[in-house]
């Protein structure tokens, strides 16, 4: 290294930084992770209810009966 760069100094060492535990930040990260996994699951649970309603209307012809009755 010294042959290529005469004016360069390489210094190695270890520096210890103060460690402060930030529990609020860790709790927020954990809650975000749980919400990230649970929210889509909860949203997908409503889909079968809507599909059941659509199939029920098709099976019983509720819309056609409503049109016939003037609704």
Protein backbone atom coordinates (compact mmCIF):
# COMPACT_ATOMS: atom_id res chain seq x y z
CA UNK A 1 0.00 0.00 0.00
CA UNK A 2 2.80 2.38 0.91
CA UNK A 3 4.42 1.82 -2.53
CA UNK A 4 1.33 3.06 -4.37
CA UNK A 5 0.24 5.87 -2.02
CA UNK A 6 2.98 7.59 -0.04
CA UNK A 7 0.71 10.09 1.71
CA UNK A 8 -1.94 7.58 2.88
CA UNK A 9 -2.25 6.33 6.46
CA UNK A 10 -4.45 3.38 7.35
CA UNK A 11 -5.61 3.32 10.95
CA UNK A 12 -7.66 0.47 12.39
CA UNK A 13 -9.45 0.39 15.67
CA UNK A 14 -12.61 -0.34 17.59
CA UNK A 15 -15.01 2.26 18.88
CA UNK A 16 -17.71 1.32 21.39
CA UNK A 17 -20.90 3.30 21.07
CA UNK A 18 -23.30 3.71 23.97
CA UNK A 19 -26.18 1.29 23.72
CA UNK A 20 -29.64 2.45 24.75
CA UNK A 21 -32.50 0.01 24.40
CA UNK A 22 -35.47 1.64 22.71
CA UNK A 23 -38.33 -0.64 23.68
CA UNK A 24 -41.04 1.59 22.21
CA UNK A 25 -39.44 1.38 18.78
CA UNK A 26 -39.14 -2.41 19.04
CA UNK A 27 -42.77 -2.72 20.13
CA UNK A 28 -43.90 -0.57 17.20
CA UNK A 29 -41.91 -2.75 14.79
CA UNK A 30 -43.47 -5.89 16.25
CA UNK A 31 -46.99 -4.50 16.01
CA UNK A 32 -46.38 -3.42 12.43
CA UNK A 33 -45.21 -6.91 11.55
CA UNK A 34 -48.27 -8.50 13.16
CA UNK A 35 -50.60 -6.03 11.42
CA UNK A 36 -48.81 -6.69 8.12
CA UNK A 37 -49.70 -10.38 8.40
CA UNK A 38 -53.14 -10.18 10.05
CA UNK A 39 -54.76 -7.36 8.05
CA UNK A 40 -54.74 -9.14 4.65
CA UNK A 41 -56.01 -12.30 6.35
CA UNK A 42 -58.94 -10.39 7.87
CA UNK A 43 -59.71 -8.72 4.55
CA UNK A 44 -59.79 -12.06 2.75
CA UNK A 45 -62.28 -13.50 5.27
CA UNK A 46 -65.01 -11.20 3.94
CA UNK A 47 -64.68 -12.50 0.37
CA UNK A 48 -66.57 -15.80 0.92
CA UNK A 49 -69.49 -13.87 2.44
CA UNK A 50 -69.82 -11.69 -0.65
CA UNK A 51 -69.43 -14.66 -2.99
CA UNK A 52 -72.07 -16.61 -1.05
CA UNK A 53 -74.51 -13.71 -1.42
CA UNK A 54 -73.91 -13.51 -5.18
CA UNK A 55 -74.38 -17.27 -5.62
CA UNK A 56 -77.52 -17.20 -3.45
CA UNK A 57 -79.02 -14.44 -5.60
CA UNK A 58 -78.27 -16.42 -8.74
CA UNK A 59 -79.72 -19.63 -7.31
CA UNK A 60 -82.94 -18.13 -6.04
CA UNK A 61 -83.29 -15.50 -8.80
CA UNK A 62 -83.89 -12.75 -6.26
CA UNK A 63 -82.99 -9.94 -8.65
CA UNK A 64 -85.42 -11.16 -11.30
CA UNK A 65 -88.18 -11.44 -8.71
CA UNK A 66 -87.41 -7.92 -7.49
CA UNK A 67 -87.62 -6.60 -11.08
CA UNK A 68 -90.93 -8.35 -11.60
CA UNK A 69 -92.30 -6.82 -8.39
CA UNK A 70 -91.17 -3.33 -9.42
CA UNK A 71 -88.30 -2.94 -6.98
